[in-house]
Protein backbone atom coordinates (compact mmCIF):
# COMPACT_ATOMS: atom_id res chain seq x y z
CA UNK A 1 74.62 94.52 36.37
CA UNK A 2 77.77 95.23 35.27
CA UNK A 3 78.81 99.06 35.51
CA UNK A 4 82.27 100.47 34.57
CA UNK A 5 82.13 104.85 35.01
CA UNK A 6 85.16 106.46 33.94
CA UNK A 7 87.36 103.87 34.51
CA UNK A 8 91.00 104.19 33.99
CA UNK A 9 94.10 101.91 34.55
CA UNK A 10 97.48 102.69 34.82
CA UNK A 11 100.67 100.66 35.23
CA UNK A 12 103.98 101.54 36.85
CA UNK A 13 107.00 100.89 35.61
CA UNK A 14 110.85 102.21 35.09
CA UNK A 15 109.72 104.41 32.96
CA UNK A 16 107.02 105.94 34.94
CA UNK A 17 102.86 105.22 34.32
CA UNK A 18 101.61 103.22 31.05
CA UNK A 19 98.10 103.81 31.04
CA UNK A 20 96.06 100.92 29.67
CA UNK A 21 92.52 102.00 29.93
CA UNK A 22 91.25 105.62 29.27
CA UNK A 23 87.93 106.93 30.74
CA UNK A 24 85.89 103.10 29.93
CA UNK A 25 81.84 103.75 30.60
CA UNK A 26 80.53 100.34 30.25
CA UNK A 27 77.05 98.63 31.15
CA UNK A 28 76.42 95.02 31.14
CA UNK A 29 72.69 93.96 31.38
CA UNK A 30 71.30 91.31 33.80
CA UNK A 31 71.67 87.94 31.74
CA UNK A 32 73.34 89.32 28.71
CA UNK A 33 76.09 87.70 26.78
CA UNK A 34 78.60 91.03 26.01
CA UNK A 35 81.56 90.56 24.27
CA UNK A 36 84.49 93.02 24.51
CA UNK A 37 86.43 92.43 21.43
CA UNK A 38 89.68 94.31 20.08
CA UNK A 39 93.29 92.97 19.16
CA UNK A 40 96.46 91.94 21.22
CA UNK A 41 97.13 95.32 23.64
CA UNK A 42 93.44 96.80 23.36
CA UNK A 43 93.05 96.04 26.92
CA UNK A 44 90.46 93.61 27.25
CA UNK A 45 92.43 91.76 29.25
CA UNK A 46 92.98 94.06 31.79
CA UNK A 47 89.34 95.10 31.32
CA UNK A 48 87.86 91.62 32.73
CA UNK A 49 90.19 91.78 35.21
CA UNK A 50 88.63 95.26 36.73
CA UNK A 51 85.26 93.50 37.43
CA UNK A 52 86.07 91.10 40.05
CA UNK A 53 89.01 93.46 41.09
CA UNK A 54 92.00 90.84 40.22
CA UNK A 55 93.27 94.48 38.98
CA UNK A 56 92.02 97.69 40.51
CA UNK A 57 91.07 100.62 38.42
CA UNK A 58 93.34 103.59 39.14
CA UNK A 59 90.51 106.15 38.66
CA UNK A 60 86.45 105.47 38.37
CA UNK A 61 84.26 103.12 39.46
CA UNK A 62 82.97 99.29 39.30
CA UNK A 63 79.46 98.35 40.35
CA UNK A 64 78.03 95.13 40.02
CA UNK A 65 73.93 94.39 40.73
CA UNK A 66 73.61 98.33 41.79
CA UNK A 67 76.37 98.29 44.43
CA UNK A 68 79.71 100.02 44.62
CA UNK A 69 82.47 97.21 44.55
CA UNK A 70 85.59 99.31 43.61
CA UNK A 71 87.08 99.41 47.01
CA UNK A 72 85.93 96.41 48.52
CA UNK A 73 88.52 94.20 50.65
CA UNK A 74 88.65 91.17 52.98
CA UNK A 75 85.34 89.34 53.26
CA UNK A 76 83.07 91.24 51.21
CA UNK A 77 86.19 91.02 48.22
CA UNK A 78 86.25 87.04 48.53
CA UNK A 79 82.09 87.20 48.36
CA UNK A 80 82.78 89.40 45.73
CA UNK A 81 84.83 86.84 43.55
CA UNK A 82 82.97 83.88 44.61
CA UNK A 83 79.74 85.60 43.00
CA UNK A 84 82.18 85.78 39.84
CA UNK A 85 83.40 82.71 37.62
CA UNK A 86 86.14 83.08 35.55
CA UNK A 87 87.07 80.62 32.41
CA UNK A 88 90.35 80.91 31.01
CA UNK A 89 92.19 80.84 27.79
CA UNK A 90 94.71 78.12 28.87
CA UNK A 91 92.12 76.14 31.26
CA UNK A 92 94.43 76.56 34.23
CA UNK A 93 93.41 73.19 35.94
CA UNK A 94 95.51 71.15 38.43
CA UNK A 95 97.23 68.43 37.15
CA UNK A 96 97.71 66.47 40.00
CA UNK A 97 93.58 66.71 40.55
CA UNK A 98 91.03 64.78 38.55
CA UNK A 99 88.44 66.52 36.82
CA UNK A 100 86.22 65.94 39.73
CA UNK A 101 88.58 67.11 42.55
CA UNK A 102 89.46 69.84 40.05
CA UNK A 103 85.54 71.43 40.07
CA UNK A 104 85.43 70.48 43.56
CA UNK A 105 88.04 72.57 44.69
CA UNK A 106 86.63 75.86 44.71
CA UNK A 107 83.77 74.59 46.85
CA UNK A 108 86.41 72.51 49.08
CA UNK A 109 87.97 76.10 49.39
CA UNK A 110 84.73 78.42 50.59
CA UNK A 111 84.06 75.41 53.32
CA UNK A 112 80.69 75.84 53.23
CA UNK A 113 79.22 72.05 52.32
CA UNK A 114 79.98 68.75 53.31
CA UNK A 115 81.72 66.32 51.25
CA UNK A 116 78.83 64.45 50.56
CA UNK A 117 77.53 67.61 49.35
CA UNK A 118 80.48 68.69 47.39
CA UNK A 119 80.42 64.98 45.22
CA UNK A 120 77.00 65.44 44.77
CA UNK A 121 77.31 69.28 43.15
CA UNK A 122 80.24 68.13 41.36
CA UNK A 123 78.54 65.23 39.67
CA UNK A 124 75.68 67.88 38.79
CA UNK A 125 78.15 70.04 37.41
CA UNK A 126 80.07 67.70 35.45
CA UNK A 127 76.30 66.34 33.58
CA UNK A 128 75.65 69.91 32.58
CA UNK A 129 79.10 70.16 30.67
CA UNK A 130 78.98 66.18 29.44
CA UNK A 131 81.57 65.13 31.43
CA UNK A 132 80.37 62.74 33.49
CA UNK A 133 81.78 59.66 32.37
CA UNK A 134 85.30 61.65 32.51
CA UNK A 135 85.36 62.54 36.51
CA UNK A 136 88.15 60.19 37.39
CA UNK A 137 90.38 61.41 34.49
CA UNK A 138 93.43 64.01 34.96
CA UNK A 139 93.86 66.39 32.78
CA UNK A 140 96.14 65.22 31.01
CA UNK A 141 94.00 62.59 29.05
CA UNK A 142 91.35 64.84 28.24
CA UNK A 143 91.21 66.98 25.02
CA UNK A 144 91.40 70.69 24.87
CA UNK A 145 87.71 71.16 24.42
CA UNK A 146 87.43 68.72 27.33
CA UNK A 147 89.56 70.38 29.27
CA UNK A 148 87.66 73.65 28.94
CA UNK A 149 84.09 72.42 29.76
CA UNK A 150 86.27 71.30 33.27
CA UNK A 151 87.18 74.82 33.07
CA UNK A 152 83.47 75.94 32.91
CA UNK A 153 82.01 73.63 35.75
CA UNK A 154 84.70 74.96 38.00
CA UNK A 155 84.06 78.41 37.71
CA UNK A 156 80.15 77.96 38.33
CA UNK A 157 80.79 75.73 41.09
CA UNK A 158 79.70 78.77 43.35
CA UNK A 159 76.71 79.67 41.52
CA UNK A 160 77.62 82.88 40.00
CA UNK A 161 75.70 85.48 39.11
CA UNK A 162 78.42 86.66 36.59
CA UNK A 163 81.04 84.31 34.22
CA UNK A 164 84.00 86.02 32.45
CA UNK A 165 85.01 84.37 30.17
CA UNK A 166 89.09 85.60 28.66
CA UNK A 167 89.60 84.08 25.45
CA UNK A 168 87.98 81.39 26.41
CA UNK A 169 87.55 79.67 22.96
CA UNK A 170 91.23 81.05 21.05
CA UNK A 171 92.77 77.73 21.96
CA UNK A 172 90.40 75.42 20.37
CA UNK A 173 90.01 74.49 16.89
CA UNK A 174 86.34 76.08 14.94
CA UNK A 175 84.20 72.87 15.32
CA UNK A 176 85.32 72.59 19.48
CA UNK A 177 85.12 76.53 19.75
CA UNK A 178 81.57 76.05 17.93
CA UNK A 179 80.31 73.64 21.04
CA UNK A 180 81.75 75.46 23.88
CA UNK A 181 79.96 78.38 22.92
CA UNK A 182 76.55 76.47 22.34
CA UNK A 183 77.02 75.32 26.15
CA UNK A 184 78.32 79.09 27.03
CA UNK A 185 74.93 80.52 25.51
CA UNK A 186 72.97 77.23 26.75
CA UNK A 187 74.01 77.71 30.40
CA UNK A 188 73.43 81.78 29.79
CA UNK A 189 69.60 80.49 28.98
CA UNK A 190 69.14 78.20 31.69
CA UNK A 191 70.90 80.10 34.55
CA UNK A 192 70.69 82.86 33.88
CA UNK A 193 74.07 83.83 34.43
CA UNK A 194 75.25 87.34 32.73
CA UNK A 195 78.22 86.71 30.67
CA UNK A 196 81.28 88.73 29.75
CA UNK A 197 83.35 87.14 26.71
CA UNK A 198 86.54 89.24 25.99
CA UNK A 199 88.28 88.34 22.43
CA UNK A 200 89.83 88.94 19.61
CA UNK A 201 87.46 86.86 17.26
CA UNK A 202 84.36 88.63 15.91
CA UNK A 203 83.25 85.56 14.64
CA UNK A 204 82.73 84.55 18.25
CA UNK A 205 81.11 88.16 18.90
CA UNK A 206 78.48 86.98 16.05
CA UNK A 207 77.72 83.44 17.07
CA UNK A 208 77.15 84.13 20.73
CA UNK A 209 76.51 87.74 22.07
CA UNK A 210 73.88 89.91 22.68
CA UNK A 211 76.04 93.04 22.73
CA UNK A 212 79.45 94.32 21.82
CA UNK A 213 82.12 96.62 22.63
CA UNK A 214 85.17 97.38 20.50
CA UNK A 215 88.12 98.54 22.03
CA UNK A 216 91.56 100.26 20.64
CA UNK A 217 94.65 101.35 22.46
CA UNK A 218 92.55 101.68 25.69
CA UNK A 219 89.39 102.83 24.27
CA UNK A 220 86.15 101.86 23.83
CA UNK A 221 85.29 102.64 20.05
CA UNK A 222 82.28 101.34 19.36
CA UNK A 223 79.76 99.71 21.19
CA UNK A 224 75.90 98.35 20.16
CA UNK A 225 74.14 95.50 19.76
CA UNK A 226 75.62 92.77 18.12
CA UNK A 227 73.42 93.05 15.00
CA UNK A 228 73.83 96.45 14.51
CA UNK A 229 78.11 96.80 14.98
CA UNK A 230 78.43 93.57 12.51
CA UNK A 231 76.48 94.52 9.73
CA UNK A 232 76.93 98.28 9.81
CA UNK A 233 80.44 98.94 11.16
CA UNK A 234 80.54 102.59 12.28
CA UNK A 235 84.72 102.72 13.20
CA UNK A 236 87.84 101.68 10.88
CA UNK A 237 88.70 99.24 13.82
CA UNK A 238 85.36 97.19 13.57
CA UNK A 239 85.61 97.42 9.69
CA UNK A 240 88.76 95.57 9.95
CA UNK A 241 87.48 93.05 12.25
CA UNK A 242 84.53 92.20 10.48
CA UNK A 243 86.29 91.87 7.31
CA UNK A 244 89.11 89.72 8.69
CA UNK A 245 85.95 87.47 9.52
CA UNK A 246 84.06 88.07 6.76
CA UNK A 247 85.97 88.88 3.84
CA UNK A 248 86.07 92.16 1.71
CA UNK A 249 82.81 91.59 -0.43
CA UNK A 250 79.87 92.90 1.78
CA UNK A 251 81.84 95.93 2.51
CA UNK A 252 83.52 96.80 -0.41
CA UNK A 253 81.66 98.13 -3.72
CA UNK A 254 83.55 97.88 -6.96
CA UNK A 255 84.17 101.22 -9.43
CA UNK A 256 84.05 98.53 -12.44
CA UNK A 257 80.01 98.12 -12.52
CA UNK A 258 77.75 101.00 -13.38
CA UNK A 259 74.56 102.22 -11.50
CA UNK A 260 74.01 103.08 -8.23
CA UNK A 261 75.96 101.20 -5.50
CA UNK A 262 74.00 99.85 -2.68
CA UNK A 263 73.94 97.79 0.31
CA UNK A 264 70.95 95.72 1.41
CA UNK A 265 70.70 93.66 4.55
CA UNK A 266 67.87 91.91 5.55
CA UNK A 267 67.46 90.54 8.98
CA UNK A 268 65.09 88.13 10.48
CA UNK A 269 62.41 86.39 8.59
CA UNK A 270 62.99 88.82 5.86
CA UNK A 271 66.39 87.29 5.09
CA UNK A 272 64.54 84.30 3.56
CA UNK A 273 62.16 86.44 1.26
CA UNK A 274 62.33 86.59 -2.71
CA UNK A 275 61.78 90.14 -2.34
CA UNK A 276 65.06 91.02 -4.51
CA UNK A 277 62.93 88.89 -7.79
CA UNK A 278 59.58 90.92 -6.80
CA UNK A 279 61.00 94.36 -6.50
CA UNK A 280 62.81 94.47 -9.74
CA UNK A 281 59.94 93.12 -11.78
CA UNK A 282 57.63 95.68 -10.40
CA UNK A 283 60.20 98.53 -10.76
CA UNK A 284 61.95 97.39 -14.49
CA UNK A 285 65.36 97.61 -12.08
CA UNK A 286 68.26 94.79 -12.73
CA UNK A 287 70.56 94.19 -10.00
CA UNK A 288 74.22 93.21 -10.38
CA UNK A 289 75.42 91.20 -7.08
CA UNK A 290 78.75 92.72 -6.19
CA UNK A 291 79.52 90.70 -2.68
CA UNK A 292 77.17 89.70 -0.21
CA UNK A 293 77.42 87.22 2.77
CA UNK A 294 74.16 85.12 4.58
CA UNK A 295 73.99 83.86 7.81
CA UNK A 296 73.09 83.56 11.26
CA UNK A 297 73.75 86.22 14.18
CA UNK A 298 73.30 84.47 17.68
CA UNK A 299 70.03 83.53 16.38
CA UNK A 300 68.84 86.23 14.21
CA UNK A 301 68.93 85.19 10.34
CA UNK A 302 71.05 88.02 8.26
CA UNK A 303 71.64 88.39 4.11
CA UNK A 304 73.23 91.49 3.19
CA UNK A 305 74.45 92.18 -0.44
CA UNK A 306 76.43 94.97 -2.05
CA UNK A 307 75.01 95.81 -5.41
CA UNK A 308 74.50 98.29 -8.49
CA UNK A 309 70.96 99.38 -9.34
CA UNK A 310 70.24 100.20 -12.93
CA UNK A 311 67.27 100.59 -15.34
CA UNK A 312 63.98 101.68 -14.43
CA UNK A 313 62.45 103.53 -11.48
CA UNK A 314 64.84 103.24 -8.95
CA UNK A 315 63.69 105.75 -6.14
CA UNK A 316 60.42 103.89 -6.27
CA UNK A 317 62.65 100.51 -5.74
CA UNK A 318 64.70 101.84 -3.11
CA UNK A 319 61.55 103.14 -1.20
CA UNK A 320 59.58 99.86 -1.14
CA UNK A 321 62.89 98.02 0.05
CA UNK A 322 63.05 100.12 2.94
CA UNK A 323 59.01 100.21 3.71
CA UNK A 324 59.49 96.03 3.29
CA UNK A 325 61.87 96.44 6.44
CA UNK A 326 64.98 96.14 4.36
CA UNK A 327 68.23 98.58 5.42
CA UNK A 328 69.51 100.43 2.17
CA UNK A 329 72.65 102.15 2.44
CA UNK A 330 74.23 104.27 -0.46
CA UNK A 331 77.67 103.23 -0.45
CA UNK A 332 80.48 105.04 -3.13
CA UNK A 333 80.48 103.53 -6.68
CA UNK A 334 79.96 104.63 -9.99
CA UNK A 335 77.23 107.27 -11.31
CA UNK A 336 73.94 105.66 -11.37
CA UNK A 337 72.28 105.93 -14.86
CA UNK A 338 69.11 107.18 -13.30
CA UNK A 339 68.27 110.31 -11.02
CA UNK A 340 66.88 108.92 -7.62
CA UNK A 341 65.05 111.57 -6.12
CA UNK A 342 65.62 112.50 -2.66
CA UNK A 343 68.21 109.57 -2.07
CA UNK A 344 69.06 109.14 1.87
CA UNK A 345 72.57 109.01 2.62
CA UNK A 346 72.48 106.90 5.94
CA UNK A 347 75.85 105.29 5.67
CA UNK A 348 78.76 106.46 4.23
CA UNK A 349 81.49 104.12 3.65
CA UNK A 350 85.07 104.75 2.77
């Protein structure tokens, strides 16, 4: 649906060219919720503004639905922007217009519908975002979450194929953030809209996105399915983001506990199975749990534990865990109390 090929972006100042993005290659599939995460200044907002050409790349190409759009101008550029809705961090509502008239504004600008048709469409959009009873209110009379729902309804007015969300939840409290993310997932599911979500919060990525790209200083340093990136972060920047969201326990083992230190990751139905107890009984091993986390990545349940394994037949226990669909990673820790045969170091976390 969306492709960025070798995209760079530089801004010119008195000191010369200031590069913001370096050779970005990204692909967003149709119907995906794709997250782009990074710290302030990583280039996230610049990147998302390239998709609807609010900023033009210095080099490289942007394609939407198989069409190269990098150099569009005039009517073609206006048509592209009508097909891409945008939701902003600070809502950007017009204070002198009611909720209904804010949602109607892009339809009025397009000039393709009658007043009656616009009113009908606005009513349907407000019903979708749960604000039918607030149509006559002004933005100052709304909560932050309600303002963002108006922004989402307005972004959907021209039936976009793509929705860009630039820090759409960062001004909201955690409960309201969850409600807005649920609404965006509902829109994605019901309307098939492709959503690109810019955020600095890993919790937003975990809860809402299918895939994610991690940005650092204008470069993509890690990319993949959210389940993989969240549970097995490979780059230090990604590990820091996960640690900030989840705490240290699931990522760091302690040398104080004897045994072979492992990280066990259960996903899907296996996250709720009493597997560790059965493995301990079958192979005579003991588990000391050093840390862990349990939850959902979008709709997928997961459990991840850092453990110290001692006693019994440790090699056979690890083989049985892997056969049951558990990801077993050897992490740095104390020397094992047994000599496991052919321990596979799938990951090494520093």
